[in-house]
Protein backbone atom coordinates (compact mmCIF):
# COMPACT_ATOMS: atom_id res chain seq x y z
CA MET A 1 17.35 -13.89 5.48
CA ARG A 2 17.51 -13.19 1.74
CA ILE A 3 14.32 -11.35 0.77
CA LEU A 4 13.30 -10.53 -2.79
CA VAL A 5 11.37 -7.24 -2.87
CA THR A 6 9.49 -6.18 -6.00
CA GLY A 7 8.85 -2.51 -6.71
CA HIS A 8 12.30 -1.17 -5.82
CA ASP A 9 11.35 2.52 -6.10
CA GLY A 10 7.94 2.23 -4.46
CA GLN A 11 7.06 3.74 -1.10
CA VAL A 12 6.99 0.45 0.81
CA ALA A 13 10.14 -0.88 -0.84
CA GLN A 14 12.06 2.26 0.10
CA ALA A 15 10.78 2.08 3.67
CA LEU A 16 11.85 -1.56 3.86
CA ALA A 17 15.32 -0.64 2.62
CA GLU A 18 15.68 1.64 5.65
CA GLN A 19 14.40 -0.78 8.26
CA ALA A 20 15.48 -4.27 7.27
CA GLN A 21 18.70 -4.50 9.25
CA GLY A 22 19.83 -8.08 9.60
CA HIS A 23 18.21 -9.15 6.33
CA GLU A 24 19.62 -9.22 2.80
CA LEU A 25 17.15 -7.37 0.59
CA VAL A 26 17.37 -7.93 -3.15
CA PHE A 27 15.29 -5.45 -5.16
CA THR A 28 14.01 -6.13 -8.65
CA ALA A 29 14.02 -3.45 -11.31
CA TYR A 30 12.23 -2.88 -14.61
CA PRO A 31 12.82 -3.96 -17.39
CA GLU A 32 14.81 -6.98 -16.16
CA PHE A 33 11.85 -7.74 -13.89
CA ASP A 34 8.45 -7.07 -15.48
CA LEU A 35 5.26 -8.32 -13.84
CA SER A 36 3.58 -8.34 -17.25
CA LYS A 37 6.19 -10.82 -18.55
CA PRO A 38 6.15 -14.13 -16.65
CA GLU A 39 9.51 -15.24 -17.98
CA THR A 40 11.25 -12.30 -16.26
CA ILE A 41 9.55 -13.14 -12.97
CA GLU A 42 10.59 -16.77 -13.06
CA ALA A 43 14.14 -15.85 -14.09
CA ALA A 44 14.49 -13.39 -11.19
CA VAL A 45 13.33 -15.91 -8.60
CA ALA A 46 15.61 -18.61 -10.05
CA ARG A 47 18.60 -16.23 -10.05
CA ILE A 48 18.07 -14.68 -6.60
CA GLN A 49 16.89 -17.84 -4.78
CA PRO A 50 15.11 -15.85 -2.07
CA GLU A 51 14.07 -17.31 1.25
CA LEU A 52 11.05 -14.98 1.27
CA ILE A 53 9.32 -12.67 -1.22
CA VAL A 54 7.68 -9.30 -0.62
CA SER A 55 5.34 -8.56 -3.52
CA ALA A 56 5.11 -4.76 -3.39
CA ALA A 57 5.17 -3.81 -7.08
CA ALA A 58 1.86 -2.97 -8.73
CA TYR A 59 0.07 -0.99 -11.40
CA THR A 60 -1.22 1.85 -9.20
CA ALA A 61 -2.59 4.39 -11.71
CA VAL A 62 -6.19 3.96 -10.57
CA ASP A 63 -7.81 6.17 -13.20
CA LYS A 64 -5.53 5.14 -16.07
CA ALA A 65 -6.36 1.50 -15.38
CA GLU A 66 -9.87 2.15 -16.69
CA SER A 67 -8.38 2.57 -20.17
CA GLU A 68 -5.62 -0.06 -19.76
CA PRO A 69 -7.46 -3.03 -18.22
CA GLU A 70 -5.34 -5.70 -19.93
CA LEU A 71 -2.04 -4.22 -18.77
CA ALA A 72 -3.39 -3.63 -15.26
CA MET A 73 -4.58 -7.24 -15.06
CA ALA A 74 -1.27 -8.58 -16.32
CA ILE A 75 0.66 -6.64 -13.65
CA ASN A 76 -1.76 -6.75 -10.72
CA GLY A 77 -3.64 -9.97 -11.37
CA ASP A 78 -1.50 -12.44 -13.27
CA GLY A 79 2.01 -11.36 -12.27
CA PRO A 80 1.64 -11.95 -8.51
CA GLY A 81 0.38 -15.47 -9.20
CA VAL A 82 3.45 -16.25 -11.30
CA LEU A 83 5.67 -14.77 -8.59
CA ALA A 84 4.00 -16.78 -5.82
CA ARG A 85 4.17 -20.03 -7.81
CA ALA A 86 7.86 -19.47 -8.53
CA GLY A 87 8.40 -18.91 -4.83
CA ALA A 88 6.43 -22.04 -3.94
CA GLU A 89 8.74 -24.13 -6.12
CA ILE A 90 11.74 -23.19 -3.97
CA GLY A 91 9.87 -23.05 -0.66
CA ALA A 92 9.83 -19.24 -0.35
CA PRO A 93 6.71 -17.80 1.31
CA ILE A 94 5.31 -14.53 -0.01
CA ILE A 95 3.92 -11.36 1.55
CA HIS A 96 1.67 -9.75 -1.04
CA LEU A 97 0.35 -6.19 -0.76
CA SER A 98 -3.22 -5.46 -1.79
CA THR A 99 -5.73 -2.65 -1.33
CA ASP A 100 -8.98 -1.38 0.18
CA TYR A 101 -10.22 -0.97 -3.41
CA VAL A 102 -11.27 -4.63 -3.43
CA PHE A 103 -14.37 -3.40 -1.54
CA ASP A 104 -17.27 -1.31 -2.85
CA GLY A 105 -17.33 1.03 0.15
CA SER A 106 -20.97 0.39 0.99
CA LEU A 107 -20.68 -0.78 4.61
CA ASP A 108 -21.18 1.60 7.55
CA ARG A 109 -18.33 0.05 9.57
CA PRO A 110 -14.68 -0.82 8.92
CA TRP A 111 -14.23 -3.73 6.53
CA ARG A 112 -13.18 -7.10 7.89
CA GLU A 113 -11.21 -9.68 5.96
CA GLU A 114 -14.20 -12.00 5.60
CA ASP A 115 -16.52 -9.32 4.19
CA PRO A 116 -17.63 -9.80 0.58
CA THR A 117 -15.50 -8.02 -2.00
CA GLY A 118 -16.95 -5.93 -4.81
CA PRO A 119 -14.45 -3.66 -6.55
CA LEU A 120 -15.86 -0.59 -8.26
CA GLY A 121 -13.24 -0.31 -11.01
CA VAL A 122 -10.48 -1.98 -12.96
CA TYR A 123 -7.75 -1.30 -10.41
CA GLY A 124 -9.66 -2.92 -7.57
CA ALA A 125 -10.72 -5.85 -9.74
CA THR A 126 -7.15 -6.55 -10.83
CA LYS A 127 -5.82 -6.30 -7.29
CA LEU A 128 -8.49 -8.73 -6.14
CA ALA A 129 -7.44 -11.09 -8.93
CA GLY A 130 -3.87 -10.83 -7.67
CA GLU A 131 -4.94 -11.74 -4.14
CA GLN A 132 -6.77 -14.77 -5.46
CA ALA A 133 -3.84 -15.83 -7.64
CA VAL A 134 -1.46 -15.71 -4.67
CA GLN A 135 -3.91 -17.61 -2.49
CA ALA A 136 -4.28 -20.32 -5.15
CA SER A 137 -0.55 -20.55 -5.94
CA GLY A 138 0.42 -23.18 -3.42
CA ALA A 139 2.80 -20.75 -1.73
CA THR A 140 2.59 -20.00 1.97
CA HIS A 141 1.37 -16.41 1.94
CA ALA A 142 0.25 -13.35 3.84
CA VAL A 143 -1.93 -10.98 1.84
CA LEU A 144 -1.94 -7.50 3.40
CA ARG A 145 -4.65 -5.05 2.34
CA LEU A 146 -3.49 -1.45 2.71
CA ALA A 147 -5.17 1.94 2.26
CA TRP A 148 -4.29 5.57 1.62
CA VAL A 149 -0.52 4.94 1.59
CA TYR A 150 1.84 7.88 2.06
CA SER A 151 5.46 8.34 3.10
CA PRO A 152 8.53 10.57 2.70
CA PHE A 153 9.14 8.80 -0.62
CA GLY A 154 7.69 8.96 -4.11
CA ASN A 155 4.37 10.54 -5.01
CA ASN A 156 1.51 10.52 -2.53
CA PHE A 157 -1.30 12.62 -1.08
CA VAL A 158 0.81 14.28 1.61
CA LYS A 159 3.42 15.52 -0.81
CA THR A 160 0.77 16.57 -3.32
CA MET A 161 -1.03 18.70 -0.73
CA LEU A 162 2.19 20.40 0.33
CA ARG A 163 3.15 21.07 -3.27
CA LEU A 164 -0.25 22.55 -4.15
CA ALA A 165 -0.18 24.75 -1.06
CA GLU A 166 3.00 26.39 -2.30
CA THR A 167 1.01 28.17 -5.01
CA ARG A 168 -2.59 28.11 -3.75
CA ASP A 169 -4.25 29.63 -0.71
CA ALA A 170 -7.32 27.41 -0.87
CA LEU A 171 -8.01 23.84 -1.98
CA ASN A 172 -11.15 21.78 -2.52
CA VAL A 173 -10.77 18.26 -1.12
CA VAL A 174 -13.28 15.40 -1.05
CA GLU A 175 -14.93 15.01 2.37
CA ASP A 176 -17.40 12.14 1.86
CA GLN A 177 -14.81 9.36 1.53
CA ARG A 178 -13.58 7.91 4.84
CA GLY A 179 -10.47 5.83 5.38
CA CYS A 180 -7.40 5.08 7.47
CA PRO A 181 -4.17 6.65 6.16
CA GLY A 182 -1.28 4.20 6.19
CA SER A 183 2.33 5.33 6.49
CA ALA A 184 4.71 3.20 4.42
CA LEU A 185 7.10 3.43 7.38
CA ASP A 186 4.53 1.60 9.53
CA ILE A 187 3.76 -0.82 6.70
CA ALA A 188 7.45 -1.75 6.48
CA THR A 189 7.47 -2.35 10.23
CA ALA A 190 4.40 -4.56 9.83
CA ILE A 191 6.02 -6.59 7.06
CA LEU A 192 9.16 -7.13 9.09
CA THR A 193 7.00 -8.09 12.07
CA VAL A 194 5.44 -10.82 9.92
CA VAL A 195 8.89 -11.97 8.82
CA GLU A 196 10.12 -12.18 12.40
CA HIS A 197 6.96 -13.99 13.52
CA TRP A 198 7.38 -16.53 10.72
CA GLN A 199 11.02 -17.05 11.65
CA ARG A 200 10.00 -17.86 15.22
CA GLU A 201 6.74 -19.71 14.70
CA GLY A 202 6.87 -20.93 11.09
CA ALA A 203 5.08 -19.35 8.15
CA THR A 204 1.32 -19.77 7.89
CA SER A 205 -1.05 -18.38 5.28
CA GLY A 206 -3.58 -15.65 5.98
CA LEU A 207 -5.40 -12.53 4.78
CA TYR A 208 -4.96 -9.37 6.84
CA HIS A 209 -5.80 -5.68 6.91
CA PHE A 210 -3.18 -3.14 7.95
CA THR A 211 -3.57 0.64 8.08
CA GLY A 212 -2.91 3.47 10.47
CA SER A 213 -5.09 3.48 13.59
CA GLY A 214 -8.14 5.70 13.55
CA GLU A 215 -10.03 7.16 10.62
CA THR A 216 -10.54 10.41 8.77
CA THR A 217 -11.72 11.94 5.49
CA TRP A 218 -9.52 13.19 2.68
CA ALA A 219 -10.46 16.79 3.60
CA ASP A 220 -9.56 16.33 7.26
CA PHE A 221 -6.39 14.49 6.28
CA ALA A 222 -5.41 17.52 4.21
CA ARG A 223 -6.16 19.85 7.13
CA ALA A 224 -3.95 17.72 9.39
CA ILE A 225 -1.15 17.84 6.81
CA PHE A 226 -1.27 21.63 6.76
CA ALA A 227 -1.36 21.81 10.56
CA GLU A 228 1.84 19.77 10.68
CA SER A 229 3.38 21.85 7.90
CA ALA A 230 2.58 25.05 9.80
CA LYS A 231 4.67 23.80 12.75
CA HIS A 232 7.67 23.92 10.40
CA GLY A 233 6.75 27.26 8.85
CA GLY A 234 5.79 25.37 5.69
CA PRO A 235 3.04 25.92 3.13
CA THR A 236 -0.60 25.79 4.21
CA ALA A 237 -3.96 26.24 2.51
CA GLU A 238 -7.57 26.63 3.50
CA VAL A 239 -9.41 23.36 2.82
CA THR A 240 -13.02 23.34 1.63
CA GLY A 241 -14.68 19.95 1.80
CA ILE A 242 -16.56 18.89 -1.33
CA PRO A 243 -18.59 15.79 -2.27
CA THR A 244 -17.11 13.11 -4.49
CA SER A 245 -19.48 14.30 -7.22
CA GLY A 246 -17.64 17.62 -7.19
CA TYR A 247 -14.38 15.93 -8.22
CA PRO A 248 -15.27 13.43 -10.94
CA THR A 249 -12.66 10.85 -11.92
CA PRO A 250 -12.63 8.01 -14.48
CA ALA A 251 -12.55 5.40 -11.68
CA LYS A 252 -15.03 5.31 -8.82
CA ARG A 253 -13.58 5.36 -5.31
CA PRO A 254 -15.07 3.54 -2.30
CA ALA A 255 -16.89 5.92 0.06
CA ASN A 256 -15.81 3.77 3.00
CA SER A 257 -12.20 2.55 2.89
CA ARG A 258 -11.89 1.94 6.62
CA LEU A 259 -10.24 -1.41 7.39
CA ASP A 260 -10.53 -3.39 10.60
CA CYS A 261 -6.98 -4.38 11.54
CA THR A 262 -7.80 -6.53 14.57
CA ARG A 263 -6.74 -9.80 12.96
CA PHE A 264 -3.25 -8.52 12.14
CA ALA A 265 -2.77 -7.11 15.64
CA GLU A 266 -3.93 -10.31 17.32
CA THR A 267 -1.83 -12.55 15.05
CA PHE A 268 1.42 -10.61 14.98
CA GLY A 269 1.27 -8.38 18.05
CA TYR A 270 1.66 -5.08 16.23
CA ARG A 271 -0.83 -2.29 15.64
CA ALA A 272 0.08 0.89 13.78
CA PRO A 273 0.19 4.16 15.71
CA ALA A 274 -2.65 6.66 15.38
CA TRP A 275 -2.51 8.05 11.87
CA GLN A 276 -1.93 11.56 13.24
CA GLU A 277 1.28 10.40 14.96
CA SER A 278 2.57 8.69 11.84
CA LEU A 279 1.71 11.73 9.72
CA ALA A 280 3.76 13.96 12.04
CA VAL A 281 6.76 11.65 11.59
CA VAL A 282 6.51 11.79 7.80
CA VAL A 283 6.07 15.57 7.66
CA ASP A 284 9.00 16.03 10.07
CA ARG A 285 11.16 13.94 7.77
CA LEU A 286 10.12 15.84 4.68
CA PHE A 287 11.08 19.16 6.23
CA ALA A 288 14.28 17.75 7.74
CA ALA A 289 15.29 16.71 4.23
CA GLY A 290 14.56 20.22 2.96
CA ARG A 291 12.04 19.02 0.40
CA PRO A 292 8.53 19.09 1.86
CA ALA A 293 6.95 18.42 -1.52
């Protein structure tokens, strides 16, 4: 199957490139493909003629989005709608990646797909707009909400912690935000599971949550990272948990980013491993490559 993947250098796109044996992946690249310029989106779909689209590219600078709301909306909100409509015109379904930031974090349980959204900042609002644009596009679609994404690729929390520990003995990390870390390696497996399911059963539209299994806080996630690093003789640091108020940022973060992934597991027959298992895989790979940070 010919699959157009946006965000060629992103964590999920790179994980897909490793795993998608048997499929022809065609990656888009800036500036030829620019989600803020509809004409480049339409031209790419017309040129590539994909059988399926994975919409992985996004404006992900959460804090910077507060000062660039128009650009963030063009990329996260409007662009995915153009992409989905272009796919609909040639009969290509779309898998669109979204985020836990569409929620305000106020619930005391993991968020379900049907729970009311209420983004706290520009990033979450623009990603929600993107979801809605894809859903209204006429394309057959799967919208996957992700959270706390990390991997052996690109910039992410795991690599940041390891890098900081190379020069610091102690770190302050937020401990009153809870979530479910999601390995991009598992996310790629989930996407390909959807593709295979659609090939067998036919594509149907839906909204799903997908993260690693279990939950943690950022502070405990950092401690787990250093425990894995220590197994390789790598850098470690003492972690002191602090409240969100002790680490102010331009954009507010949800206190509860936990996502209930039952619907995805029941629909597609795949549930991510415990986040601790997936973290160990990623840290092993970073040290095997000789570049833990």
